[in-house]
Amino acid sequence: MSRNNSLEMDQLTDAAYYILLSLLVPRHGYGIMNYIEKLTQGEVVIGPATAYTLIKKLQDNECILLAGEDNNDRRKTYAITDKGKQLVSNEIERRKRMSEHGNQAWLSAKEEHDNG
């Protein structure tokens, strides 16, 4: 799957996933990047180029919307839509299943190794 059609397939890149999670509460661009870094304790850092490219893509796909604009400091505040909430909810469940599959494969391989 190419990165260009990941939203069409109802699967998110890691960066898009974290952006949607950050927008469960409306935030501006810098707030999105800062929240993700704090949420992941620095494990995930999304730079401005990635963030704003994905924000535009998520807007185009009606997953987020421009919630407000402060003309004094040019900050734009974004919020998740119902479509975006459903997408991120589905993605959380999909990633849980993937984690379970990984754990099952790990245990199975260990048992095969121990018994073989």
C-alpha atoms as a PDB file:
ATOM      1  CA  MET A   1       0.000   0.000   0.000  1.00  0.00           C
ATOM      2  CA  SER A   2       1.417   3.367  -0.942  1.00  0.00           C
ATOM      3  CA  ARG A   3       1.359   6.276   1.456  1.00  0.00           C
ATOM      4  CA  ASN A   4      -0.884   8.190  -0.948  1.00  0.00           C
ATOM      5  CA  ASN A   5      -3.833   5.851  -0.614  1.00  0.00           C
ATOM      6  CA  SER A   6      -3.539   4.876   3.065  1.00  0.00           C
ATOM      7  CA  LEU A   7      -6.572   6.968   4.019  1.00  0.00           C
ATOM      8  CA  GLU A   8      -8.599   5.475   1.187  1.00  0.00           C
ATOM      9  CA  MET A   9      -7.851   2.006   2.554  1.00  0.00           C
ATOM     10  CA  ASP A  10      -8.922   3.093   6.075  1.00  0.00           C
ATOM     11  CA  GLN A  11      -5.422   2.509   7.399  1.00  0.00           C
ATOM     12  CA  LEU A  12      -3.269   5.248   8.791  1.00  0.00           C
ATOM     13  CA  THR A  13       0.432   5.864   8.705  1.00  0.00           C
ATOM     14  CA  ASP A  14       1.918   6.213  12.169  1.00  0.00           C
ATOM     15  CA  ALA A  15       2.174   9.981  11.759  1.00  0.00           C
ATOM     16  CA  ALA A  16      -1.459  10.360  10.636  1.00  0.00           C
ATOM     17  CA  TYR A  17      -2.557   8.117  13.516  1.00  0.00           C
ATOM     18  CA  TYR A  18      -0.792  10.307  16.072  1.00  0.00           C
ATOM     19  CA  ILE A  19      -2.101  13.515  14.505  1.00  0.00           C
ATOM     20  CA  LEU A  20      -5.677  12.252  14.765  1.00  0.00           C
ATOM     21  CA  LEU A  21      -5.087  11.179  18.371  1.00  0.00           C
ATOM     22  CA  SER A  22      -3.738  14.628  19.168  1.00  0.00           C
ATOM     23  CA  LEU A  23      -6.838  16.244  17.685  1.00  0.00           C
ATOM     24  CA  LEU A  24      -9.272  14.511  20.008  1.00  0.00           C
ATOM     25  CA  VAL A  25      -8.894  17.952  21.595  1.00  0.00           C
ATOM     26  CA  PRO A  26      -8.649  20.907  19.171  1.00  0.00           C
ATOM     27  CA  ARG A  27      -5.046  22.102  18.733  1.00  0.00           C
ATOM     28  CA  HIS A  28      -2.942  24.277  16.476  1.00  0.00           C
ATOM     29  CA  GLY A  29      -0.054  22.870  14.442  1.00  0.00           C
ATOM     30  CA  TYR A  30       2.674  23.404  17.035  1.00  0.00           C
ATOM     31  CA  GLY A  31       0.350  22.047  19.735  1.00  0.00           C
ATOM     32  CA  ILE A  32      -0.182  18.892  17.674  1.00  0.00           C
ATOM     33  CA  MET A  33       3.553  18.259  17.341  1.00  0.00           C
ATOM     34  CA  ASN A  34       4.190  19.053  21.006  1.00  0.00           C
ATOM     35  CA  TYR A  35       1.351  16.798  22.220  1.00  0.00           C
ATOM     36  CA  ILE A  36       2.589  13.834  20.166  1.00  0.00           C
ATOM     37  CA  GLU A  37       6.104  14.200  21.527  1.00  0.00           C
ATOM     38  CA  LYS A  38       4.789  14.376  25.114  1.00  0.00           C
ATOM     39  CA  LEU A  39       2.311  11.502  24.609  1.00  0.00           C
ATOM     40  CA  THR A  40       5.044   9.224  23.304  1.00  0.00           C
ATOM     41  CA  GLN A  41       7.691  10.475  25.738  1.00  0.00           C
ATOM     42  CA  GLY A  42       9.829  11.571  22.801  1.00  0.00           C
ATOM     43  CA  GLU A  43       9.574   8.259  20.962  1.00  0.00           C
ATOM     44  CA  VAL A  44       7.662   9.893  18.108  1.00  0.00           C
ATOM     45  CA  VAL A  45       8.631  13.328  16.843  1.00  0.00           C
ATOM     46  CA  ILE A  46       6.771  14.761  13.868  1.00  0.00           C
ATOM     47  CA  GLY A  47       8.362  17.716  12.153  1.00  0.00           C
ATOM     48  CA  PRO A  48       6.530  20.654  10.608  1.00  0.00           C
ATOM     49  CA  ALA A  49       6.799  19.451   6.989  1.00  0.00           C
ATOM     50  CA  THR A  50       5.260  16.074   7.816  1.00  0.00           C
ATOM     51  CA  ALA A  51       2.675  17.561  10.159  1.00  0.00           C
ATOM     52  CA  TYR A  52       1.363  20.185   7.760  1.00  0.00           C
ATOM     53  CA  THR A  53       1.386  17.839   4.769  1.00  0.00           C
ATOM     54  CA  LEU A  54      -0.708  15.338   6.710  1.00  0.00           C
ATOM     55  CA  ILE A  55      -2.972  18.027   8.164  1.00  0.00           C
ATOM     56  CA  LYS A  56      -3.796  19.098   4.594  1.00  0.00           C
ATOM     57  CA  LYS A  57      -4.367  15.474   3.533  1.00  0.00           C
ATOM     58  CA  LEU A  58      -6.567  14.794   6.586  1.00  0.00           C
ATOM     59  CA  GLN A  59      -8.572  17.945   5.832  1.00  0.00           C
ATOM     60  CA  ASP A  60      -9.005  16.913   2.191  1.00  0.00           C
ATOM     61  CA  ASN A  61     -10.316  13.538   3.417  1.00  0.00           C
ATOM     62  CA  GLU A  62     -12.704  15.256   5.871  1.00  0.00           C
ATOM     63  CA  CYS A  63     -11.050  13.636   8.893  1.00  0.00           C
ATOM     64  CA  ILE A  64     -10.204  16.998  10.436  1.00  0.00           C
ATOM     65  CA  LEU A  65     -11.362  20.549   9.923  1.00  0.00           C
ATOM     66  CA  LEU A  66     -10.123  24.044  10.546  1.00  0.00           C
ATOM     67  CA  ALA A  67     -11.796  24.983  13.817  1.00  0.00           C
ATOM     68  CA  GLY A  68     -10.501  28.510  14.134  1.00  0.00           C
ATOM     69  CA  GLU A  69      -7.821  30.959  13.180  1.00  0.00           C
ATOM     70  CA  ASP A  70      -6.071  33.541  15.341  1.00  0.00           C
ATOM     71  CA  ASN A  71      -5.132  36.425  13.078  1.00  0.00           C
ATOM     72  CA  ASN A  72      -2.769  37.919  15.684  1.00  0.00           C
ATOM     73  CA  ASP A  73      -0.280  35.037  15.592  1.00  0.00           C
ATOM     74  CA  ARG A  74      -1.493  33.257  12.424  1.00  0.00           C
ATOM     75  CA  ARG A  75      -2.194  30.028  14.318  1.00  0.00           C
ATOM     76  CA  LYS A  76      -4.804  27.736  12.867  1.00  0.00           C
ATOM     77  CA  THR A  77      -6.658  25.419  15.209  1.00  0.00           C
ATOM     78  CA  TYR A  78      -7.754  22.031  13.917  1.00  0.00           C
ATOM     79  CA  ALA A  79     -10.346  19.588  15.245  1.00  0.00           C
ATOM     80  CA  ILE A  80     -11.192  15.993  14.454  1.00  0.00           C
ATOM     81  CA  THR A  81     -14.479  15.246  12.664  1.00  0.00           C
ATOM     82  CA  ASP A  82     -16.822  12.329  13.334  1.00  0.00           C
ATOM     83  CA  LYS A  83     -15.295  10.608  10.305  1.00  0.00           C
ATOM     84  CA  GLY A  84     -11.831  11.119  11.788  1.00  0.00           C
ATOM     85  CA  LYS A  85     -12.962   9.792  15.178  1.00  0.00           C
ATOM     86  CA  GLN A  86     -14.335   6.651  13.545  1.00  0.00           C
ATOM     87  CA  LEU A  87     -11.156   6.194  11.524  1.00  0.00           C
ATOM     88  CA  VAL A  88      -8.872   6.530  14.562  1.00  0.00           C
ATOM     89  CA  SER A  89     -11.130   4.263  16.631  1.00  0.00           C
ATOM     90  CA  ASN A  90     -10.960   1.587  13.915  1.00  0.00           C
ATOM     91  CA  GLU A  91      -7.199   2.075  13.705  1.00  0.00           C
ATOM     92  CA  ILE A  92      -6.776   1.550  17.456  1.00  0.00           C
ATOM     93  CA  GLU A  93      -8.648  -1.757  17.184  1.00  0.00           C
ATOM     94  CA  ARG A  94      -6.669  -2.792  14.090  1.00  0.00           C
ATOM     95  CA  ARG A  95      -3.377  -2.063  15.832  1.00  0.00           C
ATOM     96  CA  LYS A  96      -4.500  -4.004  18.924  1.00  0.00           C
ATOM     97  CA  ARG A  97      -5.185  -7.025  16.707  1.00  0.00           C
ATOM     98  CA  MET A  98      -1.804  -6.632  15.024  1.00  0.00           C
ATOM     99  CA  SER A  99      -0.129  -6.560  18.438  1.00  0.00           C
ATOM    100  CA  GLU A 100      -1.999  -9.705  19.488  1.00  0.00           C
ATOM    101  CA  HIS A 101      -0.914 -11.438  16.262  1.00  0.00           C
ATOM    102  CA  GLY A 102       2.678 -10.453  16.956  1.00  0.00           C
ATOM    103  CA  ASN A 103       2.510 -11.823  20.500  1.00  0.00           C
ATOM    104  CA  GLN A 104       0.925 -15.067  19.273  1.00  0.00           C
ATOM    105  CA  ALA A 105       3.611 -15.494  16.607  1.00  0.00           C
ATOM    106  CA  TRP A 106       6.339 -14.777  19.149  1.00  0.00           C
ATOM    107  CA  LEU A 107       4.983 -17.357  21.605  1.00  0.00           C
ATOM    108  CA  SER A 108       4.416 -19.917  18.852  1.00  0.00           C
ATOM    109  CA  ALA A 109       7.965 -19.511  17.563  1.00  0.00           C
ATOM    110  CA  LYS A 110       9.339 -19.854  21.098  1.00  0.00           C
ATOM    111  CA  GLU A 111       7.326 -23.055  21.667  1.00  0.00           C
ATOM    112  CA  GLU A 112       8.484 -24.498  18.346  1.00  0.00           C
ATOM    113  CA  HIS A 113      12.068 -23.659  19.195  1.00  0.00           C
ATOM    114  CA  ASP A 114      11.802 -25.140  22.713  1.00  0.00           C
ATOM    115  CA  ASN A 115      10.095 -28.328  21.462  1.00  0.00           C
ATOM    116  CA  GLY A 116      12.055 -28.768  18.287  1.00  0.00           C
END
